[in-house]
ModelCIF file with pLDDT and N, C-alpha, C, O atoms, coordinates in Angstrom:
data_MODEL
#
_entry.id   MODEL 
#
_entity.id                         1 
_entity.type                       polymer 
_entity.pdbx_number_of_molecules   1 
#
_entity_poly.entity_id                      1 
_entity_poly.type                           'polypeptide(L)' 
_entity_poly.nstd_linkage                   no 
_entity_poly.nstd_monomer                   no 
_entity_poly.pdbx_seq_one_letter_code       IPLYQRPYVWNEEQQWAPLWEDLVALLQHQENAGESGLWSHF 
_entity_poly.pdbx_seq_one_letter_code_can   IPLYQRPYVWNEEQQWAPLWEDLVALLQHQENAGESGLWSHF 
_entity_poly.pdbx_strand_id                 A 
#
loop_
_entity_poly_seq.entity_id 
_entity_poly_seq.num 
_entity_poly_seq.mon_id 
_entity_poly_seq.hetero 
1 1  ILE n 
1 2  PRO n 
1 3  LEU n 
1 4  TYR n 
1 5  GLN n 
1 6  ARG n 
1 7  PRO n 
1 8  TYR n 
1 9  VAL n 
1 10 TRP n 
1 11 ASN n 
1 12 GLU n 
1 13 GLU n 
1 14 GLN n 
1 15 GLN n 
1 16 TRP n 
1 17 ALA n 
1 18 PRO n 
1 19 LEU n 
1 20 TRP n 
1 21 GLU n 
1 22 ASP n 
1 23 LEU n 
1 24 VAL n 
1 25 ALA n 
1 26 LEU n 
1 27 LEU n 
1 28 GLN n 
1 29 HIS n 
1 30 GLN n 
1 31 GLU n 
1 32 ASN n 
1 33 ALA n 
1 34 GLY n 
1 35 GLU n 
1 36 SER n 
1 37 GLY n 
1 38 LEU n 
1 39 TRP n 
1 40 SER n 
1 41 HIS n 
1 42 PHE n 
#
_struct_asym.id          A 
_struct_asym.entity_id   1 
#
loop_
_ma_qa_metric.id 
_ma_qa_metric.mode 
_ma_qa_metric.name 
_ma_qa_metric.software_group_id 
_ma_qa_metric.type 
1 global pLDDT . pLDDT 
2 local  pLDDT . pLDDT 
#
_ma_qa_metric_global.metric_id      1 
_ma_qa_metric_global.metric_value   80.76 
_ma_qa_metric_global.model_id       1 
_ma_qa_metric_global.ordinal_id     1 
#
loop_
_ma_qa_metric_local.label_asym_id 
_ma_qa_metric_local.label_comp_id 
_ma_qa_metric_local.label_seq_id 
_ma_qa_metric_local.metric_id 
_ma_qa_metric_local.metric_value 
_ma_qa_metric_local.model_id 
_ma_qa_metric_local.ordinal_id 
A ILE 1  2 90.00 1 1  
A PRO 2  2 83.00 1 2  
A LEU 3  2 77.00 1 3  
A TYR 4  2 67.00 1 4  
A GLN 5  2 75.00 1 5  
A ARG 6  2 77.00 1 6  
A PRO 7  2 85.00 1 7  
A TYR 8  2 91.00 1 8  
A VAL 9  2 90.00 1 9  
A TRP 10 2 92.00 1 10 
A ASN 11 2 92.00 1 11 
A GLU 12 2 92.00 1 12 
A GLU 13 2 89.00 1 13 
A GLN 14 2 88.00 1 14 
A GLN 15 2 91.00 1 15 
A TRP 16 2 94.00 1 16 
A ALA 17 2 92.00 1 17 
A PRO 18 2 88.00 1 18 
A LEU 19 2 91.00 1 19 
A TRP 20 2 93.00 1 20 
A GLU 21 2 89.00 1 21 
A ASP 22 2 87.00 1 22 
A LEU 23 2 91.00 1 23 
A VAL 24 2 89.00 1 24 
A ALA 25 2 83.00 1 25 
A LEU 26 2 86.00 1 26 
A LEU 27 2 88.00 1 27 
A GLN 28 2 82.00 1 28 
A HIS 29 2 78.00 1 29 
A GLN 30 2 77.00 1 30 
A GLU 31 2 76.00 1 31 
A ASN 32 2 71.00 1 32 
A ALA 33 2 63.00 1 33 
A GLY 34 2 59.00 1 34 
A GLU 35 2 57.00 1 35 
A SER 36 2 52.00 1 36 
A GLY 37 2 53.00 1 37 
A LEU 38 2 63.00 1 38 
A TRP 39 2 70.00 1 39 
A SER 40 2 78.00 1 40 
A HIS 41 2 81.00 1 41 
A PHE 42 2 82.00 1 42 
#
loop_
_atom_site.group_PDB 
_atom_site.id 
_atom_site.type_symbol 
_atom_site.label_atom_id 
_atom_site.label_alt_id 
_atom_site.label_comp_id 
_atom_site.label_asym_id 
_atom_site.label_entity_id 
_atom_site.label_seq_id 
_atom_site.pdbx_PDB_ins_code 
_atom_site.Cartn_x 
_atom_site.Cartn_y 
_atom_site.Cartn_z 
_atom_site.occupancy 
_atom_site.B_iso_or_equiv 
_atom_site.pdbx_formal_charge 
_atom_site.auth_seq_id 
_atom_site.auth_comp_id 
_atom_site.auth_asym_id 
_atom_site.auth_atom_id 
_atom_site.pdbx_PDB_model_num 
ATOM 1   N N  . ILE A 1 1  ? -34.381 -21.263 100.213 1.00 90.00 ? 1  ILE A N  1 
ATOM 2   C CA . ILE A 1 1  ? -35.015 -22.048 99.146  1.00 90.00 ? 1  ILE A CA 1 
ATOM 3   C C  . ILE A 1 1  ? -35.077 -23.499 99.618  1.00 90.00 ? 1  ILE A C  1 
ATOM 4   O O  . ILE A 1 1  ? -34.035 -24.099 99.879  1.00 90.00 ? 1  ILE A O  1 
ATOM 5   N N  . PRO A 1 2  ? -36.251 -24.065 99.732  1.00 83.00 ? 2  PRO A N  1 
ATOM 6   C CA . PRO A 1 2  ? -36.374 -25.411 100.306 1.00 83.00 ? 2  PRO A CA 1 
ATOM 7   C C  . PRO A 1 2  ? -35.621 -26.457 99.487  1.00 83.00 ? 2  PRO A C  1 
ATOM 8   O O  . PRO A 1 2  ? -35.495 -26.338 98.269  1.00 83.00 ? 2  PRO A O  1 
ATOM 9   N N  . LEU A 1 3  ? -35.131 -27.465 100.167 1.00 77.00 ? 3  LEU A N  1 
ATOM 10  C CA . LEU A 1 3  ? -34.348 -28.508 99.497  1.00 77.00 ? 3  LEU A CA 1 
ATOM 11  C C  . LEU A 1 3  ? -35.171 -29.301 98.491  1.00 77.00 ? 3  LEU A C  1 
ATOM 12  O O  . LEU A 1 3  ? -34.617 -29.926 97.586  1.00 77.00 ? 3  LEU A O  1 
ATOM 13  N N  . TYR A 1 4  ? -36.504 -29.276 98.648  1.00 67.00 ? 4  TYR A N  1 
ATOM 14  C CA . TYR A 1 4  ? -37.335 -30.080 97.757  1.00 67.00 ? 4  TYR A CA 1 
ATOM 15  C C  . TYR A 1 4  ? -37.614 -29.379 96.431  1.00 67.00 ? 4  TYR A C  1 
ATOM 16  O O  . TYR A 1 4  ? -38.205 -29.976 95.531  1.00 67.00 ? 4  TYR A O  1 
ATOM 17  N N  . GLN A 1 5  ? -37.189 -28.099 96.296  1.00 75.00 ? 5  GLN A N  1 
ATOM 18  C CA . GLN A 1 5  ? -37.402 -27.426 95.023  1.00 75.00 ? 5  GLN A CA 1 
ATOM 19  C C  . GLN A 1 5  ? -36.299 -27.798 94.029  1.00 75.00 ? 5  GLN A C  1 
ATOM 20  O O  . GLN A 1 5  ? -35.263 -28.352 94.398  1.00 75.00 ? 5  GLN A O  1 
ATOM 21  N N  . ARG A 1 6  ? -36.551 -27.479 92.776  1.00 77.00 ? 6  ARG A N  1 
ATOM 22  C CA . ARG A 1 6  ? -35.601 -27.831 91.728  1.00 77.00 ? 6  ARG A CA 1 
ATOM 23  C C  . ARG A 1 6  ? -34.294 -27.053 91.875  1.00 77.00 ? 6  ARG A C  1 
ATOM 24  O O  . ARG A 1 6  ? -34.288 -25.956 92.434  1.00 77.00 ? 6  ARG A O  1 
ATOM 25  N N  . PRO A 1 7  ? -33.196 -27.605 91.381  1.00 85.00 ? 7  PRO A N  1 
ATOM 26  C CA . PRO A 1 7  ? -31.933 -26.862 91.404  1.00 85.00 ? 7  PRO A CA 1 
ATOM 27  C C  . PRO A 1 7  ? -31.980 -25.697 90.417  1.00 85.00 ? 7  PRO A C  1 
ATOM 28  O O  . PRO A 1 7  ? -32.953 -25.529 89.682  1.00 85.00 ? 7  PRO A O  1 
ATOM 29  N N  . TYR A 1 8  ? -30.922 -24.905 90.414  1.00 91.00 ? 8  TYR A N  1 
ATOM 30  C CA . TYR A 1 8  ? -30.843 -23.735 89.538  1.00 91.00 ? 8  TYR A CA 1 
ATOM 31  C C  . TYR A 1 8  ? -30.734 -24.182 88.080  1.00 91.00 ? 8  TYR A C  1 
ATOM 32  O O  . TYR A 1 8  ? -29.857 -24.975 87.735  1.00 91.00 ? 8  TYR A O  1 
ATOM 33  N N  . VAL A 1 9  ? -31.635 -23.666 87.213  1.00 90.00 ? 9  VAL A N  1 
ATOM 34  C CA . VAL A 1 9  ? -31.674 -24.128 85.820  1.00 90.00 ? 9  VAL A CA 1 
ATOM 35  C C  . VAL A 1 9  ? -31.650 -22.998 84.799  1.00 90.00 ? 9  VAL A C  1 
ATOM 36  O O  . VAL A 1 9  ? -31.662 -23.265 83.598  1.00 90.00 ? 9  VAL A O  1 
ATOM 37  N N  . TRP A 1 10 ? -31.617 -21.743 85.243  1.00 92.00 ? 10 TRP A N  1 
ATOM 38  C CA . TRP A 1 10 ? -31.580 -20.654 84.263  1.00 92.00 ? 10 TRP A CA 1 
ATOM 39  C C  . TRP A 1 10 ? -30.270 -20.719 83.481  1.00 92.00 ? 10 TRP A C  1 
ATOM 40  O O  . TRP A 1 10 ? -29.253 -21.195 83.984  1.00 92.00 ? 10 TRP A O  1 
ATOM 41  N N  . ASN A 1 11 ? -30.315 -20.223 82.220  1.00 92.00 ? 11 ASN A N  1 
ATOM 42  C CA . ASN A 1 11 ? -29.139 -20.317 81.353  1.00 92.00 ? 11 ASN A CA 1 
ATOM 43  C C  . ASN A 1 11 ? -28.935 -19.015 80.588  1.00 92.00 ? 11 ASN A C  1 
ATOM 44  O O  . ASN A 1 11 ? -29.751 -18.096 80.659  1.00 92.00 ? 11 ASN A O  1 
ATOM 45  N N  . GLU A 1 12 ? -27.832 -18.961 79.859  1.00 92.00 ? 12 GLU A N  1 
ATOM 46  C CA . GLU A 1 12 ? -27.451 -17.723 79.179  1.00 92.00 ? 12 GLU A CA 1 
ATOM 47  C C  . GLU A 1 12 ? -28.462 -17.310 78.114  1.00 92.00 ? 12 GLU A C  1 
ATOM 48  O O  . GLU A 1 12 ? -28.914 -16.165 78.092  1.00 92.00 ? 12 GLU A O  1 
ATOM 49  N N  . GLU A 1 13 ? -28.809 -18.227 77.245  1.00 89.00 ? 13 GLU A N  1 
ATOM 50  C CA . GLU A 1 13 ? -29.643 -17.873 76.094  1.00 89.00 ? 13 GLU A CA 1 
ATOM 51  C C  . GLU A 1 13 ? -31.023 -17.387 76.508  1.00 89.00 ? 13 GLU A C  1 
ATOM 52  O O  . GLU A 1 13 ? -31.526 -16.404 75.965  1.00 89.00 ? 13 GLU A O  1 
ATOM 53  N N  . GLN A 1 14 ? -31.629 -18.061 77.456  1.00 88.00 ? 14 GLN A N  1 
ATOM 54  C CA . GLN A 1 14 ? -33.024 -17.776 77.787  1.00 88.00 ? 14 GLN A CA 1 
ATOM 55  C C  . GLN A 1 14 ? -33.201 -16.760 78.898  1.00 88.00 ? 14 GLN A C  1 
ATOM 56  O O  . GLN A 1 14 ? -34.222 -16.074 78.942  1.00 88.00 ? 14 GLN A O  1 
ATOM 57  N N  . GLN A 1 15 ? -32.220 -16.644 79.808  1.00 91.00 ? 15 GLN A N  1 
ATOM 58  C CA . GLN A 1 15 ? -32.433 -15.748 80.956  1.00 91.00 ? 15 GLN A CA 1 
ATOM 59  C C  . GLN A 1 15 ? -31.293 -14.753 81.188  1.00 91.00 ? 15 GLN A C  1 
ATOM 60  O O  . GLN A 1 15 ? -31.553 -13.555 81.302  1.00 91.00 ? 15 GLN A O  1 
ATOM 61  N N  . TRP A 1 16 ? -30.019 -15.216 81.263  1.00 94.00 ? 16 TRP A N  1 
ATOM 62  C CA . TRP A 1 16 ? -28.956 -14.286 81.661  1.00 94.00 ? 16 TRP A CA 1 
ATOM 63  C C  . TRP A 1 16 ? -28.745 -13.184 80.624  1.00 94.00 ? 16 TRP A C  1 
ATOM 64  O O  . TRP A 1 16 ? -28.684 -12.005 80.973  1.00 94.00 ? 16 TRP A O  1 
ATOM 65  N N  . ALA A 1 17 ? -28.634 -13.566 79.348  1.00 92.00 ? 17 ALA A N  1 
ATOM 66  C CA . ALA A 1 17 ? -28.388 -12.565 78.301  1.00 92.00 ? 17 ALA A CA 1 
ATOM 67  C C  . ALA A 1 17 ? -29.544 -11.576 78.192  1.00 92.00 ? 17 ALA A C  1 
ATOM 68  O O  . ALA A 1 17 ? -29.291 -10.373 78.124  1.00 92.00 ? 17 ALA A O  1 
ATOM 69  N N  . PRO A 1 18 ? -30.824 -12.031 78.172  1.00 88.00 ? 18 PRO A N  1 
ATOM 70  C CA . PRO A 1 18 ? -31.924 -11.068 78.148  1.00 88.00 ? 18 PRO A CA 1 
ATOM 71  C C  . PRO A 1 18 ? -31.921 -10.134 79.358  1.00 88.00 ? 18 PRO A C  1 
ATOM 72  O O  . PRO A 1 18 ? -32.219 -8.947  79.225  1.00 88.00 ? 18 PRO A O  1 
ATOM 73  N N  . LEU A 1 19 ? -31.582 -10.671 80.552  1.00 91.00 ? 19 LEU A N  1 
ATOM 74  C CA . LEU A 1 19 ? -31.534 -9.822  81.740  1.00 91.00 ? 19 LEU A CA 1 
ATOM 75  C C  . LEU A 1 19 ? -30.439 -8.767  81.596  1.00 91.00 ? 19 LEU A C  1 
ATOM 76  O O  . LEU A 1 19 ? -30.660 -7.599  81.916  1.00 91.00 ? 19 LEU A O  1 
ATOM 77  N N  . TRP A 1 20 ? -29.268 -9.167  81.121  1.00 93.00 ? 20 TRP A N  1 
ATOM 78  C CA . TRP A 1 20 ? -28.193 -8.186  80.944  1.00 93.00 ? 20 TRP A CA 1 
ATOM 79  C C  . TRP A 1 20 ? -28.553 -7.153  79.878  1.00 93.00 ? 20 TRP A C  1 
ATOM 80  O O  . TRP A 1 20 ? -28.229 -5.974  80.026  1.00 93.00 ? 20 TRP A O  1 
ATOM 81  N N  . GLU A 1 21 ? -29.211 -7.578  78.818  1.00 89.00 ? 21 GLU A N  1 
ATOM 82  C CA . GLU A 1 21 ? -29.641 -6.633  77.785  1.00 89.00 ? 21 GLU A CA 1 
ATOM 83  C C  . GLU A 1 21 ? -30.628 -5.614  78.361  1.00 89.00 ? 21 GLU A C  1 
ATOM 84  O O  . GLU A 1 21 ? -30.570 -4.432  78.021  1.00 89.00 ? 21 GLU A O  1 
ATOM 85  N N  . ASP A 1 22 ? -31.526 -6.067  79.226  1.00 87.00 ? 22 ASP A N  1 
ATOM 86  C CA . ASP A 1 22 ? -32.458 -5.138  79.876  1.00 87.00 ? 22 ASP A CA 1 
ATOM 87  C C  . ASP A 1 22 ? -31.700 -4.135  80.751  1.00 87.00 ? 22 ASP A C  1 
ATOM 88  O O  . ASP A 1 22 ? -32.041 -2.953  80.801  1.00 87.00 ? 22 ASP A O  1 
ATOM 89  N N  . LEU A 1 23 ? -30.669 -4.627  81.435  1.00 91.00 ? 23 LEU A N  1 
ATOM 90  C CA . LEU A 1 23 ? -29.867 -3.754  82.285  1.00 91.00 ? 23 LEU A CA 1 
ATOM 91  C C  . LEU A 1 23 ? -29.109 -2.732  81.431  1.00 91.00 ? 23 LEU A C  1 
ATOM 92  O O  . LEU A 1 23 ? -29.015 -1.562  81.801  1.00 91.00 ? 23 LEU A O  1 
ATOM 93  N N  . VAL A 1 24 ? -28.573 -3.169  80.301  1.00 89.00 ? 24 VAL A N  1 
ATOM 94  C CA . VAL A 1 24 ? -27.861 -2.265  79.399  1.00 89.00 ? 24 VAL A CA 1 
ATOM 95  C C  . VAL A 1 24 ? -28.810 -1.196  78.853  1.00 89.00 ? 24 VAL A C  1 
ATOM 96  O O  . VAL A 1 24 ? -28.426 -0.033  78.730  1.00 89.00 ? 24 VAL A O  1 
ATOM 97  N N  . ALA A 1 25 ? -30.049 -1.586  78.523  1.00 83.00 ? 25 ALA A N  1 
ATOM 98  C CA . ALA A 1 25 ? -31.028 -0.604  78.033  1.00 83.00 ? 25 ALA A CA 1 
ATOM 99  C C  . ALA A 1 25 ? -31.298 0.461   79.091  1.00 83.00 ? 25 ALA A C  1 
ATOM 100 O O  . ALA A 1 25 ? -31.436 1.639   78.761  1.00 83.00 ? 25 ALA A O  1 
ATOM 101 N N  . LEU A 1 26 ? -31.376 0.058   80.358  1.00 86.00 ? 26 LEU A N  1 
ATOM 102 C CA . LEU A 1 26 ? -31.577 1.024   81.441  1.00 86.00 ? 26 LEU A CA 1 
ATOM 103 C C  . LEU A 1 26 ? -30.367 1.942   81.572  1.00 86.00 ? 26 LEU A C  1 
ATOM 104 O O  . LEU A 1 26 ? -30.522 3.139   81.811  1.00 86.00 ? 26 LEU A O  1 
ATOM 105 N N  . LEU A 1 27 ? -29.167 1.394   81.420  1.00 88.00 ? 27 LEU A N  1 
ATOM 106 C CA . LEU A 1 27 ? -27.945 2.195   81.499  1.00 88.00 ? 27 LEU A CA 1 
ATOM 107 C C  . LEU A 1 27 ? -27.897 3.223   80.369  1.00 88.00 ? 27 LEU A C  1 
ATOM 108 O O  . LEU A 1 27 ? -27.559 4.386   80.591  1.00 88.00 ? 27 LEU A O  1 
ATOM 109 N N  . GLN A 1 28 ? -28.233 2.788   79.173  1.00 82.00 ? 28 GLN A N  1 
ATOM 110 C CA . GLN A 1 28 ? -28.219 3.700   78.025  1.00 82.00 ? 28 GLN A CA 1 
ATOM 111 C C  . GLN A 1 28 ? -29.218 4.836   78.222  1.00 82.00 ? 28 GLN A C  1 
ATOM 112 O O  . GLN A 1 28 ? -28.917 5.994   77.935  1.00 82.00 ? 28 GLN A O  1 
ATOM 113 N N  . HIS A 1 29 ? -30.415 4.495   78.716  1.00 78.00 ? 29 HIS A N  1 
ATOM 114 C CA . HIS A 1 29 ? -31.421 5.540   78.937  1.00 78.00 ? 29 HIS A CA 1 
ATOM 115 C C  . HIS A 1 29 ? -30.972 6.492   80.028  1.00 78.00 ? 29 HIS A C  1 
ATOM 116 O O  . HIS A 1 29 ? -31.194 7.699   79.928  1.00 78.00 ? 29 HIS A O  1 
ATOM 117 N N  . GLN A 1 30 ? -30.335 5.957   81.080  1.00 77.00 ? 30 GLN A N  1 
ATOM 118 C CA . GLN A 1 30 ? -29.843 6.805   82.171  1.00 77.00 ? 30 GLN A CA 1 
ATOM 119 C C  . GLN A 1 30 ? -28.754 7.753   81.671  1.00 77.00 ? 30 GLN A C  1 
ATOM 120 O O  . GLN A 1 30 ? -28.708 8.916   82.073  1.00 77.00 ? 30 GLN A O  1 
ATOM 121 N N  . GLU A 1 31 ? -27.889 7.265   80.806  1.00 76.00 ? 31 GLU A N  1 
ATOM 122 C CA . GLU A 1 31 ? -26.822 8.105   80.261  1.00 76.00 ? 31 GLU A CA 1 
ATOM 123 C C  . GLU A 1 31 ? -27.394 9.251   79.431  1.00 76.00 ? 31 GLU A C  1 
ATOM 124 O O  . GLU A 1 31 ? -26.880 10.369  79.456  1.00 76.00 ? 31 GLU A O  1 
ATOM 125 N N  . ASN A 1 32 ? -28.475 8.954   78.689  1.00 71.00 ? 32 ASN A N  1 
ATOM 126 C CA . ASN A 1 32 ? -29.047 9.961   77.778  1.00 71.00 ? 32 ASN A CA 1 
ATOM 127 C C  . ASN A 1 32 ? -30.014 10.899  78.470  1.00 71.00 ? 32 ASN A C  1 
ATOM 128 O O  . ASN A 1 32 ? -30.091 12.079  78.126  1.00 71.00 ? 32 ASN A O  1 
ATOM 129 N N  . ALA A 1 33 ? -30.761 10.382  79.453  1.00 63.00 ? 33 ALA A N  1 
ATOM 130 C CA . ALA A 1 33 ? -31.823 11.178  80.074  1.00 63.00 ? 33 ALA A CA 1 
ATOM 131 C C  . ALA A 1 33 ? -31.380 11.872  81.340  1.00 63.00 ? 33 ALA A C  1 
ATOM 132 O O  . ALA A 1 33 ? -32.081 12.745  81.851  1.00 63.00 ? 33 ALA A O  1 
ATOM 133 N N  . GLY A 1 34 ? -30.236 11.497  81.848  1.00 59.00 ? 34 GLY A N  1 
ATOM 134 C CA . GLY A 1 34 ? -29.810 12.074  83.120  1.00 59.00 ? 34 GLY A CA 1 
ATOM 135 C C  . GLY A 1 34 ? -30.700 11.596  84.250  1.00 59.00 ? 34 GLY A C  1 
ATOM 136 O O  . GLY A 1 34 ? -31.142 10.447  84.256  1.00 59.00 ? 34 GLY A O  1 
ATOM 137 N N  . GLU A 1 35 ? -30.965 12.480  85.211  1.00 57.00 ? 35 GLU A N  1 
ATOM 138 C CA . GLU A 1 35 ? -31.766 12.095  86.368  1.00 57.00 ? 35 GLU A CA 1 
ATOM 139 C C  . GLU A 1 35 ? -33.254 12.243  86.124  1.00 57.00 ? 35 GLU A C  1 
ATOM 140 O O  . GLU A 1 35 ? -34.058 11.807  86.948  1.00 57.00 ? 35 GLU A O  1 
ATOM 141 N N  . SER A 1 36 ? -33.638 12.850  85.011  1.00 52.00 ? 36 SER A N  1 
ATOM 142 C CA . SER A 1 36 ? -35.064 13.040  84.738  1.00 52.00 ? 36 SER A CA 1 
ATOM 143 C C  . SER A 1 36 ? -35.576 11.936  83.823  1.00 52.00 ? 36 SER A C  1 
ATOM 144 O O  . SER A 1 36 ? -34.888 11.500  82.900  1.00 52.00 ? 36 SER A O  1 
ATOM 145 N N  . GLY A 1 37 ? -36.758 11.509  84.091  1.00 53.00 ? 37 GLY A N  1 
ATOM 146 C CA . GLY A 1 37 ? -37.407 10.526  83.236  1.00 53.00 ? 37 GLY A CA 1 
ATOM 147 C C  . GLY A 1 37 ? -36.742 9.174   83.220  1.00 53.00 ? 37 GLY A C  1 
ATOM 148 O O  . GLY A 1 37 ? -36.718 8.514   82.181  1.00 53.00 ? 37 GLY A O  1 
ATOM 149 N N  . LEU A 1 38 ? -36.192 8.735   84.361  1.00 63.00 ? 38 LEU A N  1 
ATOM 150 C CA . LEU A 1 38 ? -35.531 7.444   84.404  1.00 63.00 ? 38 LEU A CA 1 
ATOM 151 C C  . LEU A 1 38 ? -36.529 6.306   84.254  1.00 63.00 ? 38 LEU A C  1 
ATOM 152 O O  . LEU A 1 38 ? -37.630 6.356   84.801  1.00 63.00 ? 38 LEU A O  1 
ATOM 153 N N  . TRP A 1 39 ? -36.136 5.286   83.512  1.00 70.00 ? 39 TRP A N  1 
ATOM 154 C CA . TRP A 1 39 ? -36.936 4.084   83.388  1.00 70.00 ? 39 TRP A CA 1 
ATOM 155 C C  . TRP A 1 39 ? -36.677 3.175   84.587  1.00 70.00 ? 39 TRP A C  1 
ATOM 156 O O  . TRP A 1 39 ? -35.677 3.304   85.294  1.00 70.00 ? 39 TRP A O  1 
ATOM 157 N N  . SER A 1 40 ? -37.595 2.274   84.781  1.00 78.00 ? 40 SER A N  1 
ATOM 158 C CA . SER A 1 40 ? -37.347 1.148   85.686  1.00 78.00 ? 40 SER A CA 1 
ATOM 159 C C  . SER A 1 40 ? -37.777 -0.115  84.948  1.00 78.00 ? 40 SER A C  1 
ATOM 160 O O  . SER A 1 40 ? -38.493 -0.052  83.949  1.00 78.00 ? 40 SER A O  1 
ATOM 161 N N  . HIS A 1 41 ? -37.339 -1.235  85.443  1.00 81.00 ? 41 HIS A N  1 
ATOM 162 C CA . HIS A 1 41 ? -37.625 -2.507  84.763  1.00 81.00 ? 41 HIS A CA 1 
ATOM 163 C C  . HIS A 1 41 ? -38.184 -3.508  85.770  1.00 81.00 ? 41 HIS A C  1 
ATOM 164 O O  . HIS A 1 41 ? -37.600 -3.731  86.831  1.00 81.00 ? 41 HIS A O  1 
ATOM 165 N N  . PHE A 1 42 ? -39.307 -4.098  85.427  1.00 82.00 ? 42 PHE A N  1 
ATOM 166 C CA . PHE A 1 42 ? -39.972 -5.071  86.297  1.00 82.00 ? 42 PHE A CA 1 
ATOM 167 C C  . PHE A 1 42 ? -39.452 -6.470  85.985  1.00 82.00 ? 42 PHE A C  1 
ATOM 168 O O  . PHE A 1 42 ? -39.882 -7.441  86.606  1.00 82.00 ? 42 PHE A O  1 
#
């Protein structure tokens, strides 16, 4: 990452918590669906 770009600015409310919630949704679907019909997240 070039030195001229901005420093790290993501935060819990806007990025980390939503990302973890998306990961939890994938985990829940994997637990319920098994190996068939797995979701992915972009």
